Amino acid sequence: MSPAMNALRHSVTISAIGPTTQTMGSAEVGRELGDAGGPLLVGAIAAAVTLTPALLALGGLLTATAGLIAATGRRIPEPTTENPAA
């Protein structure tokens, strides 16, 4: 496990469950999925056909994801001044 993952796991275990820790967990899952999923998708398609369609598929998937996020109206929440860990 990477040092960053260890540090994140430690910070989450000592913090109260709140918006910050939930956001950190979601961001970490998304990052890990992106780090593993992108190369796996491109590699699988490139093995079946060639690299060009594989990269086009990845670009299409990223564009569709961005469009879905924009269409659902998800926004970054405003920061609060309260500290749930305190």
N, C-alpha and C. Protein backbone atom coordinates (compact mmCIF):
# COMPACT_ATOMS: atom_id res chain seq x y z
N MET A 1 0.84 -1.17 0.00
CA MET A 1 0.00 0.00 0.00
C MET A 1 0.89 1.24 0.00
N SER A 2 0.47 2.24 -0.73
CA SER A 2 1.28 3.44 -0.87
C SER A 2 1.29 4.27 0.41
N PRO A 3 2.33 5.08 0.60
CA PRO A 3 2.37 5.95 1.79
C PRO A 3 1.18 6.91 1.84
N ALA A 4 0.72 7.37 0.67
CA ALA A 4 -0.42 8.28 0.64
C ALA A 4 -1.67 7.58 1.15
N MET A 5 -1.85 6.33 0.76
CA MET A 5 -3.02 5.57 1.23
C MET A 5 -2.94 5.35 2.74
N ASN A 6 -1.75 5.04 3.25
CA ASN A 6 -1.58 4.85 4.68
C ASN A 6 -1.89 6.13 5.45
N ALA A 7 -1.42 7.25 4.93
CA ALA A 7 -1.68 8.53 5.59
C ALA A 7 -3.17 8.85 5.56
N LEU A 8 -3.83 8.59 4.44
CA LEU A 8 -5.26 8.85 4.35
C LEU A 8 -6.03 7.95 5.30
N ARG A 9 -5.69 6.67 5.34
CA ARG A 9 -6.36 5.74 6.23
C ARG A 9 -6.21 6.18 7.68
N HIS A 10 -5.01 6.62 8.06
CA HIS A 10 -4.77 7.07 9.43
C HIS A 10 -5.59 8.31 9.74
N SER A 11 -5.61 9.28 8.83
CA SER A 11 -6.34 10.52 9.10
C SER A 11 -7.84 10.27 9.20
N VAL A 12 -8.35 9.32 8.43
CA VAL A 12 -9.78 9.03 8.49
C VAL A 12 -10.13 8.29 9.78
N THR A 13 -9.25 7.41 10.25
CA THR A 13 -9.57 6.66 11.46
C THR A 13 -9.53 7.52 12.71
N ILE A 14 -8.75 8.58 12.72
CA ILE A 14 -8.69 9.43 13.92
C ILE A 14 -9.65 10.61 13.86
N SER A 15 -10.31 10.81 12.72
CA SER A 15 -11.23 11.94 12.55
C SER A 15 -12.66 11.49 12.78
N ALA A 16 -13.47 12.45 13.18
CA ALA A 16 -14.90 12.18 13.28
C ALA A 16 -15.47 12.06 11.86
N ILE A 17 -16.48 11.23 11.72
CA ILE A 17 -17.11 11.10 10.41
C ILE A 17 -17.87 12.39 10.14
N GLY A 18 -17.55 13.02 9.06
CA GLY A 18 -18.19 14.27 8.70
C GLY A 18 -17.99 14.53 7.22
N PRO A 19 -18.39 15.68 6.75
CA PRO A 19 -18.28 15.99 5.33
C PRO A 19 -16.85 15.90 4.80
N THR A 20 -15.88 16.34 5.59
CA THR A 20 -14.50 16.34 5.11
C THR A 20 -13.99 14.92 4.91
N THR A 21 -14.21 14.06 5.89
CA THR A 21 -13.70 12.70 5.75
C THR A 21 -14.44 11.93 4.67
N GLN A 22 -15.73 12.18 4.51
CA GLN A 22 -16.48 11.53 3.44
C GLN A 22 -15.98 11.99 2.08
N THR A 23 -15.69 13.27 1.95
CA THR A 23 -15.18 13.79 0.69
C THR A 23 -13.81 13.22 0.39
N MET A 24 -12.96 13.14 1.41
CA MET A 24 -11.62 12.57 1.20
C MET A 24 -11.71 11.12 0.75
N GLY A 25 -12.61 10.37 1.36
CA GLY A 25 -12.78 8.97 0.98
C GLY A 25 -13.28 8.83 -0.44
N SER A 26 -14.25 9.64 -0.82
CA SER A 26 -14.77 9.60 -2.19
C SER A 26 -13.71 9.99 -3.19
N ALA A 27 -12.94 11.00 -2.88
CA ALA A 27 -11.88 11.44 -3.79
C ALA A 27 -10.82 10.36 -3.95
N GLU A 28 -10.50 9.69 -2.87
CA GLU A 28 -9.48 8.64 -2.94
C GLU A 28 -9.97 7.45 -3.77
N VAL A 29 -11.21 7.06 -3.59
CA VAL A 29 -11.77 5.97 -4.39
C VAL A 29 -11.77 6.35 -5.86
N GLY A 30 -12.18 7.56 -6.16
CA GLY A 30 -12.18 8.02 -7.56
C GLY A 30 -10.79 8.03 -8.15
N ARG A 31 -9.83 8.47 -7.38
CA ARG A 31 -8.45 8.50 -7.88
C ARG A 31 -7.93 7.10 -8.14
N GLU A 32 -8.19 6.20 -7.21
CA GLU A 32 -7.72 4.82 -7.38
C GLU A 32 -8.39 4.16 -8.58
N LEU A 33 -9.69 4.39 -8.76
CA LEU A 33 -10.38 3.83 -9.92
C LEU A 33 -9.81 4.40 -11.22
N GLY A 34 -9.50 5.68 -11.21
CA GLY A 34 -8.91 6.29 -12.40
C GLY A 34 -7.51 5.77 -12.69
N ASP A 35 -6.73 5.62 -11.62
CA ASP A 35 -5.36 5.11 -11.80
C ASP A 35 -5.35 3.69 -12.35
N ALA A 36 -6.30 2.88 -11.93
CA ALA A 36 -6.33 1.48 -12.38
C ALA A 36 -7.23 1.28 -13.60
N GLY A 37 -8.36 1.95 -13.61
CA GLY A 37 -9.35 1.71 -14.66
C GLY A 37 -8.96 2.20 -16.04
N GLY A 38 -8.36 3.37 -16.12
CA GLY A 38 -7.97 3.92 -17.42
C GLY A 38 -6.99 3.03 -18.17
N PRO A 39 -5.87 2.68 -17.55
CA PRO A 39 -4.93 1.79 -18.25
C PRO A 39 -5.51 0.41 -18.56
N LEU A 40 -6.35 -0.12 -17.67
CA LEU A 40 -6.96 -1.42 -17.95
C LEU A 40 -7.90 -1.35 -19.14
N LEU A 41 -8.71 -0.30 -19.21
CA LEU A 41 -9.62 -0.12 -20.33
C LEU A 41 -8.86 0.04 -21.63
N VAL A 42 -7.90 0.93 -21.65
CA VAL A 42 -7.12 1.16 -22.87
C VAL A 42 -6.35 -0.09 -23.27
N GLY A 43 -5.75 -0.78 -22.31
CA GLY A 43 -5.00 -1.98 -22.61
C GLY A 43 -5.87 -3.09 -23.17
N ALA A 44 -7.06 -3.27 -22.61
CA ALA A 44 -7.96 -4.32 -23.09
C ALA A 44 -8.43 -4.04 -24.51
N ILE A 45 -8.81 -2.80 -24.78
CA ILE A 45 -9.27 -2.46 -26.13
C ILE A 45 -8.10 -2.50 -27.12
N ALA A 46 -6.93 -2.02 -26.69
CA ALA A 46 -5.76 -2.04 -27.58
C ALA A 46 -5.34 -3.46 -27.91
N ALA A 47 -5.50 -4.38 -26.96
CA ALA A 47 -5.17 -5.78 -27.24
C ALA A 47 -6.14 -6.39 -28.24
N ALA A 48 -7.40 -5.95 -28.18
CA ALA A 48 -8.40 -6.49 -29.10
C ALA A 48 -8.31 -5.85 -30.49
N VAL A 49 -8.03 -4.59 -30.56
CA VAL A 49 -7.95 -3.88 -31.85
C VAL A 49 -6.60 -3.19 -31.94
N THR A 50 -6.60 -1.87 -31.86
CA THR A 50 -5.34 -1.11 -31.88
C THR A 50 -5.44 0.00 -30.84
N LEU A 51 -4.37 0.76 -30.72
CA LEU A 51 -4.32 1.80 -29.70
C LEU A 51 -5.26 2.97 -30.00
N THR A 52 -5.41 3.33 -31.26
CA THR A 52 -6.24 4.49 -31.60
C THR A 52 -7.69 4.31 -31.13
N PRO A 53 -8.37 3.20 -31.46
CA PRO A 53 -9.74 3.05 -30.93
C PRO A 53 -9.78 2.99 -29.40
N ALA A 54 -8.74 2.45 -28.80
CA ALA A 54 -8.70 2.37 -27.34
C ALA A 54 -8.66 3.76 -26.72
N LEU A 55 -7.83 4.63 -27.25
CA LEU A 55 -7.75 5.99 -26.73
C LEU A 55 -9.03 6.77 -27.03
N LEU A 56 -9.64 6.52 -28.17
CA LEU A 56 -10.92 7.17 -28.49
C LEU A 56 -12.01 6.71 -27.52
N ALA A 57 -12.01 5.44 -27.18
CA ALA A 57 -12.99 4.93 -26.21
C ALA A 57 -12.80 5.59 -24.85
N LEU A 58 -11.55 5.73 -24.41
CA LEU A 58 -11.28 6.38 -23.13
C LEU A 58 -11.73 7.84 -23.16
N GLY A 59 -11.43 8.53 -24.26
CA GLY A 59 -11.87 9.92 -24.40
C GLY A 59 -13.38 10.04 -24.39
N GLY A 60 -14.06 9.11 -25.05
CA GLY A 60 -15.53 9.11 -25.05
C GLY A 60 -16.10 8.86 -23.67
N LEU A 61 -15.49 7.94 -22.95
CA LEU A 61 -15.95 7.65 -21.58
C LEU A 61 -15.77 8.86 -20.67
N LEU A 62 -14.63 9.52 -20.78
CA LEU A 62 -14.39 10.72 -19.97
C LEU A 62 -15.36 11.84 -20.33
N THR A 63 -15.62 12.01 -21.63
CA THR A 63 -16.57 13.04 -22.07
C THR A 63 -17.97 12.74 -21.58
N ALA A 64 -18.38 11.46 -21.67
CA ALA A 64 -19.71 11.08 -21.19
C ALA A 64 -19.84 11.29 -19.68
N THR A 65 -18.80 10.99 -18.95
CA THR A 65 -18.82 11.19 -17.49
C THR A 65 -18.94 12.67 -17.15
N ALA A 66 -18.17 13.50 -17.85
CA ALA A 66 -18.26 14.95 -17.61
C ALA A 66 -19.64 15.48 -17.96
N GLY A 67 -20.22 14.98 -19.05
CA GLY A 67 -21.57 15.39 -19.44
C GLY A 67 -22.61 14.97 -18.42
N LEU A 68 -22.45 13.76 -17.89
CA LEU A 68 -23.39 13.27 -16.87
C LEU A 68 -23.31 14.11 -15.60
N ILE A 69 -22.11 14.45 -15.20
CA ILE A 69 -21.95 15.29 -14.01
C ILE A 69 -22.56 16.67 -14.23
N ALA A 70 -22.32 17.23 -15.42
CA ALA A 70 -22.88 18.55 -15.72
C ALA A 70 -24.41 18.50 -15.81
N ALA A 71 -24.96 17.42 -16.36
CA ALA A 71 -26.40 17.31 -16.53
C ALA A 71 -27.13 17.12 -15.20
N THR A 72 -26.49 16.45 -14.24
CA THR A 72 -27.15 16.22 -12.96
C THR A 72 -27.06 17.42 -12.04
N GLY A 73 -26.27 18.41 -12.41
CA GLY A 73 -26.19 19.63 -11.63
C GLY A 73 -25.41 19.50 -10.34
N ARG A 74 -24.49 18.55 -10.28
CA ARG A 74 -23.67 18.39 -9.06
C ARG A 74 -22.74 19.59 -8.94
N ARG A 75 -22.70 20.14 -7.77
CA ARG A 75 -21.86 21.30 -7.50
C ARG A 75 -20.97 21.02 -6.30
N ILE A 76 -19.88 21.72 -6.22
CA ILE A 76 -19.00 21.63 -5.07
C ILE A 76 -19.67 22.35 -3.91
N PRO A 77 -19.83 21.68 -2.77
CA PRO A 77 -20.49 22.34 -1.65
C PRO A 77 -19.66 23.49 -1.09
N GLU A 78 -20.36 24.46 -0.57
CA GLU A 78 -19.70 25.59 0.05
C GLU A 78 -19.00 25.14 1.33
N PRO A 79 -17.82 25.67 1.61
CA PRO A 79 -17.13 25.29 2.85
C PRO A 79 -17.88 25.84 4.06
N THR A 80 -17.82 25.09 5.15
CA THR A 80 -18.44 25.53 6.39
C THR A 80 -17.35 25.89 7.39
N THR A 81 -17.74 26.65 8.38
CA THR A 81 -16.77 27.07 9.38
C THR A 81 -16.73 26.13 10.58
N GLU A 82 -17.70 25.22 10.66
CA GLU A 82 -17.71 24.28 11.79
C GLU A 82 -16.68 23.19 11.59
N ASN A 83 -16.17 22.69 12.68
CA ASN A 83 -15.17 21.64 12.65
C ASN A 83 -15.74 20.41 13.33
N PRO A 84 -16.18 19.38 12.55
CA PRO A 84 -16.81 18.22 13.20
C PRO A 84 -15.83 17.38 14.02
N ALA A 85 -14.53 17.50 13.77
CA ALA A 85 -13.55 16.69 14.50
C ALA A 85 -13.23 17.29 15.88
N ALA A 86 -13.57 18.55 16.08
CA ALA A 86 -13.22 19.21 17.33
C ALA A 86 -14.16 18.85 18.45
